[in-house]
């Protein structure tokens, strides 16, 4: 089960979730009986994400296995990491050339440069993997409709990773 961006939920959700998981049951609003997980049923794997926009209760965090996900800070490692992710999501992307490079590499280098600019300008949030994959997806889709990949790349690169109005290319 995925609970995405729990930090955007009402403040009582994390503690309510702990109670439901601890007792293996919960009572939906308007119901007179709880929904129960039987004792012989394997509990579900629950993945919870947060953007850390709000601090979650310590009692909640103590009961979680926290896996911080951060992109590499070294440009070469970042490009390599993104290219692997891009090719895993879009195996045919490497067949498309832009700036005399495979699309995943050119897009990863663009993202690394934009992250450096954002850091230098103290802009947040930093562009990341989601924006990288969105760029690959957009170029591949437009290329499949007859658009020239290089032209699309050139047009999109001016703003594709800019999450802040303070970022200028």
N, C-alpha and C. Protein backbone atom coordinates (compact mmCIF):
# COMPACT_ATOMS: atom_id res chain seq x y z
N UNK A 1 0.85 -1.15 0.00
CA UNK A 1 0.00 0.00 0.00
C UNK A 1 0.91 1.23 0.00
N UNK A 2 0.56 2.21 -0.81
CA UNK A 2 1.33 3.45 -0.89
C UNK A 2 0.50 4.58 -0.28
N UNK A 3 1.09 5.26 0.67
CA UNK A 3 0.51 6.48 1.22
C UNK A 3 1.49 7.58 0.83
N UNK A 4 1.12 8.32 -0.18
CA UNK A 4 2.01 9.31 -0.78
C UNK A 4 1.85 10.66 -0.10
N UNK A 5 2.98 11.27 0.21
CA UNK A 5 3.03 12.62 0.78
C UNK A 5 2.17 12.77 2.02
N UNK A 6 2.43 11.95 3.01
CA UNK A 6 1.66 11.97 4.26
C UNK A 6 1.76 13.32 4.96
N UNK A 7 2.83 14.05 4.70
CA UNK A 7 3.00 15.36 5.33
C UNK A 7 1.96 16.37 4.86
N UNK A 8 1.25 16.07 3.78
CA UNK A 8 0.21 16.97 3.29
C UNK A 8 -1.17 16.61 3.83
N UNK A 9 -1.25 15.50 4.55
CA UNK A 9 -2.52 15.06 5.13
C UNK A 9 -2.81 15.86 6.40
N UNK A 10 -4.02 15.71 6.90
CA UNK A 10 -4.37 16.35 8.17
C UNK A 10 -3.38 15.90 9.24
N UNK A 11 -3.12 16.75 10.21
CA UNK A 11 -2.07 16.48 11.19
C UNK A 11 -2.33 15.23 12.04
N UNK A 12 -3.58 14.79 12.17
CA UNK A 12 -3.86 13.61 12.99
C UNK A 12 -3.74 12.29 12.22
N UNK A 13 -3.49 12.35 10.92
CA UNK A 13 -3.41 11.13 10.11
C UNK A 13 -2.27 10.20 10.54
N UNK A 14 -1.03 10.69 10.72
CA UNK A 14 0.04 9.75 11.11
C UNK A 14 -0.27 8.98 12.39
N UNK A 15 -0.75 9.66 13.43
CA UNK A 15 -1.05 8.96 14.69
C UNK A 15 -2.25 8.03 14.53
N UNK A 16 -3.24 8.44 13.74
CA UNK A 16 -4.38 7.56 13.46
C UNK A 16 -3.95 6.32 12.70
N UNK A 17 -3.00 6.49 11.81
CA UNK A 17 -2.48 5.36 11.05
C UNK A 17 -1.74 4.40 11.99
N UNK A 18 -0.97 4.94 12.92
CA UNK A 18 -0.28 4.07 13.89
C UNK A 18 -1.27 3.25 14.70
N UNK A 19 -2.33 3.88 15.11
CA UNK A 19 -3.34 3.18 15.89
C UNK A 19 -3.98 2.06 15.06
N UNK A 20 -4.34 2.38 13.81
CA UNK A 20 -4.97 1.37 12.96
C UNK A 20 -4.02 0.20 12.69
N UNK A 21 -2.76 0.51 12.44
CA UNK A 21 -1.80 -0.57 12.18
C UNK A 21 -1.49 -1.36 13.44
N UNK A 22 -1.39 -0.68 14.57
CA UNK A 22 -1.10 -1.36 15.83
C UNK A 22 -2.20 -2.32 16.25
N UNK A 23 -3.44 -1.92 16.07
CA UNK A 23 -4.59 -2.75 16.46
C UNK A 23 -5.09 -3.62 15.31
N UNK A 24 -4.51 -3.43 14.14
CA UNK A 24 -4.90 -4.19 12.94
C UNK A 24 -6.38 -4.01 12.60
N UNK A 25 -6.87 -2.83 12.90
CA UNK A 25 -8.27 -2.53 12.58
C UNK A 25 -8.49 -1.02 12.62
N UNK A 26 -9.56 -0.60 11.96
CA UNK A 26 -9.99 0.79 12.03
C UNK A 26 -11.48 0.84 11.74
N UNK A 27 -12.11 1.90 12.21
CA UNK A 27 -13.54 2.08 11.98
C UNK A 27 -13.73 3.29 11.08
N UNK A 28 -14.13 3.05 9.83
CA UNK A 28 -14.37 4.18 8.93
C UNK A 28 -15.49 5.07 9.45
N UNK A 29 -15.38 6.34 9.16
CA UNK A 29 -16.39 7.29 9.60
C UNK A 29 -17.75 6.87 9.05
N UNK A 30 -18.74 6.82 9.92
CA UNK A 30 -20.09 6.43 9.52
C UNK A 30 -20.38 4.94 9.67
N UNK A 31 -19.36 4.16 10.00
CA UNK A 31 -19.56 2.72 10.19
C UNK A 31 -19.74 2.45 11.67
N UNK A 32 -20.49 1.41 11.96
CA UNK A 32 -20.67 1.05 13.36
C UNK A 32 -19.79 -0.12 13.78
N UNK A 33 -19.08 -0.72 12.80
CA UNK A 33 -18.18 -1.84 13.10
C UNK A 33 -16.81 -1.56 12.49
N UNK A 34 -15.77 -2.04 13.15
CA UNK A 34 -14.43 -1.82 12.59
C UNK A 34 -14.14 -2.78 11.42
N UNK A 35 -13.24 -2.37 10.57
CA UNK A 35 -12.68 -3.23 9.53
C UNK A 35 -11.44 -3.84 10.15
N UNK A 36 -11.38 -5.18 10.18
CA UNK A 36 -10.29 -5.87 10.88
C UNK A 36 -9.46 -6.72 9.94
N UNK A 37 -8.19 -6.81 10.26
CA UNK A 37 -7.28 -7.72 9.58
C UNK A 37 -7.18 -8.93 10.49
N UNK A 38 -7.53 -10.10 9.98
CA UNK A 38 -7.53 -11.28 10.84
C UNK A 38 -6.11 -11.60 11.29
N UNK A 39 -6.02 -12.29 12.39
CA UNK A 39 -4.73 -12.60 13.00
C UNK A 39 -3.86 -13.48 12.11
N UNK A 40 -4.47 -14.31 11.27
CA UNK A 40 -3.68 -15.20 10.42
C UNK A 40 -3.33 -14.57 9.07
N UNK A 41 -3.70 -13.32 8.86
CA UNK A 41 -3.40 -12.62 7.60
C UNK A 41 -2.11 -11.83 7.75
N UNK A 42 -1.27 -11.97 6.76
CA UNK A 42 -0.01 -11.22 6.74
C UNK A 42 -0.33 -9.73 6.56
N UNK A 43 0.22 -8.88 7.42
CA UNK A 43 -0.06 -7.45 7.27
C UNK A 43 0.56 -6.92 5.98
N UNK A 44 -0.04 -5.88 5.42
CA UNK A 44 0.47 -5.35 4.15
C UNK A 44 1.78 -4.58 4.35
N UNK A 45 2.56 -4.52 3.30
CA UNK A 45 3.73 -3.65 3.29
C UNK A 45 3.21 -2.26 2.96
N UNK A 46 3.51 -1.31 3.80
CA UNK A 46 3.02 0.05 3.61
C UNK A 46 4.21 0.95 3.36
N UNK A 47 4.18 1.63 2.24
CA UNK A 47 5.23 2.58 1.88
C UNK A 47 4.62 3.97 2.01
N UNK A 48 5.30 4.79 2.79
CA UNK A 48 4.81 6.14 3.06
C UNK A 48 5.86 7.12 2.58
N UNK A 49 5.43 8.11 1.80
CA UNK A 49 6.38 9.12 1.35
C UNK A 49 6.07 10.45 2.01
N UNK A 50 7.10 11.28 2.07
CA UNK A 50 6.96 12.63 2.60
C UNK A 50 7.92 13.55 1.86
N UNK A 51 7.51 14.78 1.69
CA UNK A 51 8.39 15.81 1.13
C UNK A 51 8.98 16.66 2.24
N UNK A 52 8.73 16.25 3.47
CA UNK A 52 9.23 16.94 4.66
C UNK A 52 8.77 18.39 4.71
N UNK A 53 7.55 18.64 4.23
CA UNK A 53 6.99 19.99 4.31
C UNK A 53 6.45 20.27 5.70
N UNK A 54 6.19 19.21 6.45
CA UNK A 54 5.72 19.34 7.81
C UNK A 54 6.40 18.25 8.63
N UNK A 55 6.75 18.57 9.85
CA UNK A 55 7.40 17.59 10.73
C UNK A 55 6.38 16.56 11.18
N UNK A 56 6.73 15.30 11.02
CA UNK A 56 5.85 14.21 11.45
C UNK A 56 6.13 13.89 12.92
N UNK A 57 5.14 13.38 13.64
CA UNK A 57 5.33 13.08 15.07
C UNK A 57 6.46 12.07 15.30
N UNK A 58 7.22 12.31 16.36
CA UNK A 58 8.33 11.42 16.70
C UNK A 58 7.87 9.97 16.88
N UNK A 59 6.72 9.78 17.53
CA UNK A 59 6.21 8.42 17.74
C UNK A 59 5.96 7.72 16.41
N UNK A 60 5.55 8.46 15.43
CA UNK A 60 5.31 7.90 14.10
C UNK A 60 6.64 7.53 13.44
N UNK A 61 7.57 8.46 13.45
CA UNK A 61 8.88 8.23 12.82
C UNK A 61 9.61 7.05 13.47
N UNK A 62 9.51 6.91 14.79
CA UNK A 62 10.19 5.81 15.49
C UNK A 62 9.71 4.45 15.00
N UNK A 63 8.52 4.37 14.50
CA UNK A 63 7.95 3.10 14.07
C UNK A 63 8.12 2.86 12.57
N UNK A 64 8.83 3.75 11.93
CA UNK A 64 9.06 3.64 10.48
C UNK A 64 10.51 3.30 10.19
N UNK A 65 10.72 2.60 9.11
CA UNK A 65 12.05 2.40 8.57
C UNK A 65 12.24 3.56 7.59
N UNK A 66 13.13 4.47 7.92
CA UNK A 66 13.31 5.69 7.12
C UNK A 66 14.40 5.45 6.08
N UNK A 67 14.06 5.68 4.84
CA UNK A 67 15.00 5.53 3.74
C UNK A 67 15.09 6.86 3.01
N UNK A 68 16.07 7.68 3.37
CA UNK A 68 16.20 8.96 2.67
C UNK A 68 16.64 8.72 1.23
N UNK A 69 16.00 9.37 0.33
CA UNK A 69 16.34 9.25 -1.09
C UNK A 69 16.92 10.57 -1.55
N UNK A 70 18.16 10.55 -1.93
CA UNK A 70 18.82 11.76 -2.39
C UNK A 70 19.58 11.43 -3.66
N UNK A 71 19.58 12.37 -4.56
CA UNK A 71 20.35 12.19 -5.79
C UNK A 71 21.82 12.42 -5.48
N UNK A 72 22.70 11.79 -6.24
CA UNK A 72 24.14 12.03 -6.04
C UNK A 72 24.45 13.52 -6.22
N UNK A 73 25.43 14.02 -5.48
CA UNK A 73 25.80 15.43 -5.58
C UNK A 73 26.90 15.66 -6.61
N UNK A 74 27.69 14.65 -6.90
CA UNK A 74 28.72 14.75 -7.93
C UNK A 74 28.05 14.68 -9.30
N UNK A 75 28.38 15.63 -10.18
CA UNK A 75 27.72 15.69 -11.49
C UNK A 75 27.85 14.40 -12.30
N UNK A 76 29.05 13.83 -12.34
CA UNK A 76 29.25 12.61 -13.13
C UNK A 76 28.41 11.46 -12.56
N UNK A 77 28.37 11.33 -11.25
CA UNK A 77 27.56 10.29 -10.63
C UNK A 77 26.07 10.55 -10.86
N UNK A 78 25.66 11.81 -10.79
CA UNK A 78 24.27 12.17 -11.02
C UNK A 78 23.85 11.81 -12.45
N UNK A 79 24.68 12.17 -13.41
CA UNK A 79 24.36 11.87 -14.81
C UNK A 79 24.26 10.36 -15.01
N UNK A 80 25.22 9.62 -14.47
CA UNK A 80 25.20 8.16 -14.60
C UNK A 80 23.94 7.57 -13.96
N UNK A 81 23.61 8.05 -12.78
CA UNK A 81 22.41 7.58 -12.07
C UNK A 81 21.15 7.86 -12.89
N UNK A 82 21.01 9.08 -13.38
CA UNK A 82 19.82 9.45 -14.14
C UNK A 82 19.73 8.67 -15.45
N UNK A 83 20.85 8.49 -16.12
CA UNK A 83 20.83 7.73 -17.38
C UNK A 83 20.33 6.31 -17.12
N UNK A 84 20.80 5.68 -16.04
CA UNK A 84 20.31 4.32 -15.71
C UNK A 84 18.80 4.33 -15.47
N UNK A 85 18.31 5.32 -14.71
CA UNK A 85 16.87 5.42 -14.44
C UNK A 85 16.10 5.67 -15.73
N UNK A 86 16.61 6.59 -16.54
CA UNK A 86 15.93 6.91 -17.80
C UNK A 86 15.84 5.72 -18.72
N UNK A 87 16.93 4.99 -18.86
CA UNK A 87 16.93 3.82 -19.74
C UNK A 87 16.07 2.70 -19.18
N UNK A 88 15.94 2.62 -17.86
CA UNK A 88 15.06 1.61 -17.26
C UNK A 88 13.59 1.94 -17.57
N UNK A 89 13.24 3.21 -17.54
CA UNK A 89 11.86 3.62 -17.81
C UNK A 89 11.57 3.68 -19.31
N UNK A 90 12.56 4.10 -20.09
CA UNK A 90 12.37 4.29 -21.52
C UNK A 90 13.53 3.64 -22.28
N UNK A 91 13.48 2.32 -22.48
CA UNK A 91 14.60 1.61 -23.11
C UNK A 91 14.97 2.15 -24.50
N UNK A 92 13.99 2.69 -25.23
CA UNK A 92 14.27 3.18 -26.58
C UNK A 92 14.82 4.60 -26.61
N UNK A 93 14.88 5.26 -25.47
CA UNK A 93 15.32 6.65 -25.43
C UNK A 93 16.75 6.81 -25.92
N UNK A 94 17.60 5.82 -25.68
CA UNK A 94 19.00 5.95 -26.09
C UNK A 94 19.17 5.94 -27.60
N UNK A 95 18.13 5.54 -28.34
CA UNK A 95 18.19 5.55 -29.80
C UNK A 95 18.00 6.96 -30.36
N UNK A 96 17.46 7.86 -29.55
CA UNK A 96 17.21 9.23 -29.98
C UNK A 96 18.44 10.06 -29.64
N UNK A 97 18.94 10.81 -30.61
CA UNK A 97 20.12 11.64 -30.40
C UNK A 97 19.73 13.11 -30.33
N UNK A 98 20.28 13.79 -29.33
CA UNK A 98 20.18 15.25 -29.23
C UNK A 98 21.55 15.75 -28.80
N UNK A 99 21.96 16.86 -29.35
CA UNK A 99 23.29 17.42 -29.05
C UNK A 99 24.38 16.35 -29.25
N UNK A 100 24.21 15.53 -30.28
CA UNK A 100 25.15 14.46 -30.62
C UNK A 100 25.35 13.43 -29.52
N UNK A 101 24.35 13.30 -28.64
CA UNK A 101 24.42 12.33 -27.54
C UNK A 101 23.09 11.59 -27.48
N UNK A 102 23.09 10.41 -26.85
CA UNK A 102 21.81 9.75 -26.59
C UNK A 102 20.94 10.66 -25.71
N UNK A 103 19.65 10.69 -25.96
CA UNK A 103 18.73 11.54 -25.22
C UNK A 103 18.89 11.41 -23.70
N UNK A 104 18.96 10.20 -23.14
CA UNK A 104 19.08 10.13 -21.67
C UNK A 104 20.31 10.86 -21.13
N UNK A 105 21.42 10.81 -21.85
CA UNK A 105 22.64 11.48 -21.41
C UNK A 105 22.51 12.99 -21.53
N UNK A 106 22.02 13.47 -22.68
CA UNK A 106 21.86 14.92 -22.88
C UNK A 106 20.91 15.50 -21.85
N UNK A 107 19.81 14.82 -21.57
CA UNK A 107 18.84 15.31 -20.59
C UNK A 107 19.42 15.29 -19.18
N UNK A 108 20.19 14.26 -18.85
CA UNK A 108 20.81 14.16 -17.53
C UNK A 108 21.84 15.27 -17.34
N UNK A 109 22.62 15.56 -18.37
CA UNK A 109 23.60 16.64 -18.27
C UNK A 109 22.90 17.98 -18.11
N UNK A 110 21.78 18.16 -18.79
CA UNK A 110 20.99 19.38 -18.64
C UNK A 110 20.47 19.52 -17.21
N UNK A 111 19.96 18.44 -16.66
CA UNK A 111 19.46 18.49 -15.29
C UNK A 111 20.58 18.80 -14.31
N UNK A 112 21.75 18.19 -14.50
CA UNK A 112 22.89 18.45 -13.60
C UNK A 112 23.27 19.93 -13.65
N UNK A 113 23.28 20.50 -14.84
CA UNK A 113 23.62 21.93 -14.98
C UNK A 113 22.56 22.79 -14.30
N UNK A 114 21.29 22.45 -14.47
CA UNK A 114 20.23 23.23 -13.85
C UNK A 114 20.25 23.09 -12.33
N UNK A 115 20.62 21.92 -11.82
CA UNK A 115 20.75 21.76 -10.36
C UNK A 115 21.88 22.63 -9.83
N UNK A 116 23.00 22.68 -10.57
CA UNK A 116 24.11 23.56 -10.16
C UNK A 116 23.66 25.02 -10.13
N UNK A 117 22.92 25.44 -11.15
CA UNK A 117 22.41 26.82 -11.19
C UNK A 117 21.47 27.08 -10.03
N UNK A 118 20.57 26.16 -9.75
CA UNK A 118 19.62 26.32 -8.65
C UNK A 118 20.35 26.43 -7.32
N UNK A 119 21.37 25.60 -7.13
CA UNK A 119 22.14 25.64 -5.89
C UNK A 119 22.87 26.97 -5.77
N UNK A 120 23.49 27.42 -6.86
CA UNK A 120 24.21 28.69 -6.85
C UNK A 120 23.27 29.86 -6.54
N UNK A 121 22.03 29.78 -7.04
CA UNK A 121 21.04 30.84 -6.81
C UNK A 121 20.26 30.63 -5.52
N UNK A 122 20.60 29.56 -4.80
CA UNK A 122 19.89 29.19 -3.57
C UNK A 122 18.39 29.04 -3.84
N UNK A 123 18.06 28.46 -4.99
CA UNK A 123 16.67 28.19 -5.36
C UNK A 123 16.27 26.81 -4.90
N UNK A 124 15.08 26.70 -4.39
CA UNK A 124 14.51 25.40 -4.05
C UNK A 124 13.08 25.39 -4.51
N UNK A 125 12.51 24.24 -4.77
CA UNK A 125 13.15 22.93 -4.75
C UNK A 125 14.03 22.73 -5.97
N UNK A 126 14.98 21.83 -5.82
CA UNK A 126 15.88 21.51 -6.93
C UNK A 126 15.18 20.60 -7.92
N UNK A 127 15.46 20.77 -9.21
CA UNK A 127 14.92 19.81 -10.18
C UNK A 127 15.51 18.43 -9.90
N UNK A 128 14.72 17.41 -10.10
CA UNK A 128 15.18 16.06 -9.78
C UNK A 128 14.76 15.03 -10.80
N UNK A 129 14.71 13.80 -10.34
CA UNK A 129 14.44 12.66 -11.22
C UNK A 129 13.09 12.77 -11.90
N UNK A 130 12.08 13.25 -11.21
CA UNK A 130 10.74 13.35 -11.81
C UNK A 130 10.77 14.26 -13.03
N UNK A 131 11.44 15.40 -12.91
CA UNK A 131 11.52 16.33 -14.05
C UNK A 131 12.33 15.72 -15.19
N UNK A 132 13.37 15.00 -14.84
CA UNK A 132 14.18 14.32 -15.84
C UNK A 132 13.34 13.32 -16.64
N UNK A 133 12.60 12.48 -15.92
CA UNK A 133 11.76 11.49 -16.60
C UNK A 133 10.65 12.15 -17.40
N UNK A 134 10.12 13.27 -16.90
CA UNK A 134 9.09 14.00 -17.65
C UNK A 134 9.66 14.52 -18.98
N UNK A 135 10.90 15.03 -18.95
CA UNK A 135 11.52 15.52 -20.17
C UNK A 135 11.70 14.38 -21.18
N UNK A 136 12.21 13.26 -20.72
CA UNK A 136 12.37 12.11 -21.62
C UNK A 136 11.03 11.71 -22.22
N UNK A 137 10.02 11.62 -21.36
CA UNK A 137 8.68 11.22 -21.80
C UNK A 137 8.15 12.19 -22.87
N UNK A 138 8.30 13.48 -22.61
CA UNK A 138 7.78 14.48 -23.54
C UNK A 138 8.49 14.40 -24.89
N UNK A 139 9.80 14.33 -24.87
CA UNK A 139 10.55 14.28 -26.14
C UNK A 139 10.24 13.01 -26.90
N UNK A 140 10.16 11.89 -26.22
CA UNK A 140 9.86 10.63 -26.90
C UNK A 140 8.45 10.66 -27.50
N UNK A 141 7.49 11.21 -26.76
CA UNK A 141 6.12 11.26 -27.27
C UNK A 141 6.04 12.17 -28.49
N UNK A 142 6.66 13.34 -28.39
CA UNK A 142 6.63 14.27 -29.52
C UNK A 142 7.41 13.72 -30.71
N UNK A 143 8.51 13.03 -30.45
CA UNK A 143 9.28 12.42 -31.54
C UNK A 143 8.46 11.33 -32.23
N UNK A 144 7.67 10.62 -31.46
CA UNK A 144 6.83 9.57 -32.06
C UNK A 144 5.74 10.16 -32.94
N UNK A 145 5.45 11.45 -32.76
CA UNK A 145 4.44 12.13 -33.56
C UNK A 145 5.07 12.94 -34.69
N UNK A 146 6.37 12.71 -34.93
CA UNK A 146 7.03 13.34 -36.06
C UNK A 146 7.83 14.60 -35.74
N UNK A 147 7.80 15.04 -34.50
CA UNK A 147 8.59 16.22 -34.13
C UNK A 147 10.07 15.85 -34.13
N UNK A 148 10.92 16.82 -34.42
CA UNK A 148 12.36 16.58 -34.42
C UNK A 148 12.86 16.66 -32.98
N UNK A 149 13.47 15.57 -32.47
CA UNK A 149 13.91 15.53 -31.07
C UNK A 149 14.82 16.71 -30.69
N UNK A 150 15.77 17.06 -31.57
CA UNK A 150 16.68 18.16 -31.24
C UNK A 150 15.93 19.47 -31.07
N UNK A 151 14.97 19.72 -31.94
CA UNK A 151 14.20 20.96 -31.87
C UNK A 151 13.36 21.00 -30.57
N UNK A 152 12.73 19.89 -30.25
CA UNK A 152 11.93 19.81 -29.03
C UNK A 152 12.83 20.01 -27.81
N UNK A 153 13.98 19.34 -27.80
CA UNK A 153 14.93 19.47 -26.70
C UNK A 153 15.36 20.92 -26.53
N UNK A 154 15.70 21.57 -27.65
CA UNK A 154 16.15 22.96 -27.59
C UNK A 154 15.05 23.88 -27.06
N UNK A 155 13.81 23.63 -27.47
CA UNK A 155 12.70 24.48 -27.02
C UNK A 155 12.38 24.25 -25.55
N UNK A 156 12.43 23.00 -25.12
CA UNK A 156 12.06 22.69 -23.74
C UNK A 156 13.14 23.02 -22.73
N UNK A 157 14.39 22.97 -23.14
CA UNK A 157 15.46 23.14 -22.16
C UNK A 157 15.49 24.52 -21.52
N UNK A 158 14.86 25.49 -22.12
CA UNK A 158 14.86 26.84 -21.55
C UNK A 158 14.09 26.91 -20.24
N UNK A 159 13.17 25.98 -20.03
CA UNK A 159 12.36 26.08 -18.81
C UNK A 159 11.99 24.77 -18.17
N UNK A 160 12.35 23.66 -18.73
CA UNK A 160 11.83 22.37 -18.27
C UNK A 160 12.21 22.05 -16.82
N UNK A 161 13.39 22.42 -16.38
CA UNK A 161 13.80 22.09 -15.03
C UNK A 161 13.65 23.27 -14.07
N UNK A 162 13.15 24.39 -14.57
CA UNK A 162 13.01 25.58 -13.73
C UNK A 162 11.79 25.45 -12.84
N UNK A 163 12.03 25.21 -11.56
CA UNK A 163 10.93 25.10 -10.61
C UNK A 163 10.71 26.42 -9.90
N UNK A 164 11.61 27.34 -10.10
CA UNK A 164 11.54 28.61 -9.40
C UNK A 164 11.65 29.74 -10.42
N UNK A 165 10.91 30.81 -10.18
CA UNK A 165 10.95 31.94 -11.11
C UNK A 165 12.34 32.59 -11.11
N UNK A 166 13.14 32.32 -10.09
CA UNK A 166 14.47 32.91 -10.02
C UNK A 166 15.50 32.23 -10.89
N UNK A 167 15.14 31.08 -11.48
CA UNK A 167 16.12 30.36 -12.32
C UNK A 167 16.04 30.85 -13.73
N UNK A 168 17.16 31.25 -14.25
CA UNK A 168 17.25 31.70 -15.63
C UNK A 168 18.30 30.88 -16.34
N UNK A 169 18.02 30.52 -17.57
CA UNK A 169 19.00 29.79 -18.37
C UNK A 169 19.64 30.79 -19.31
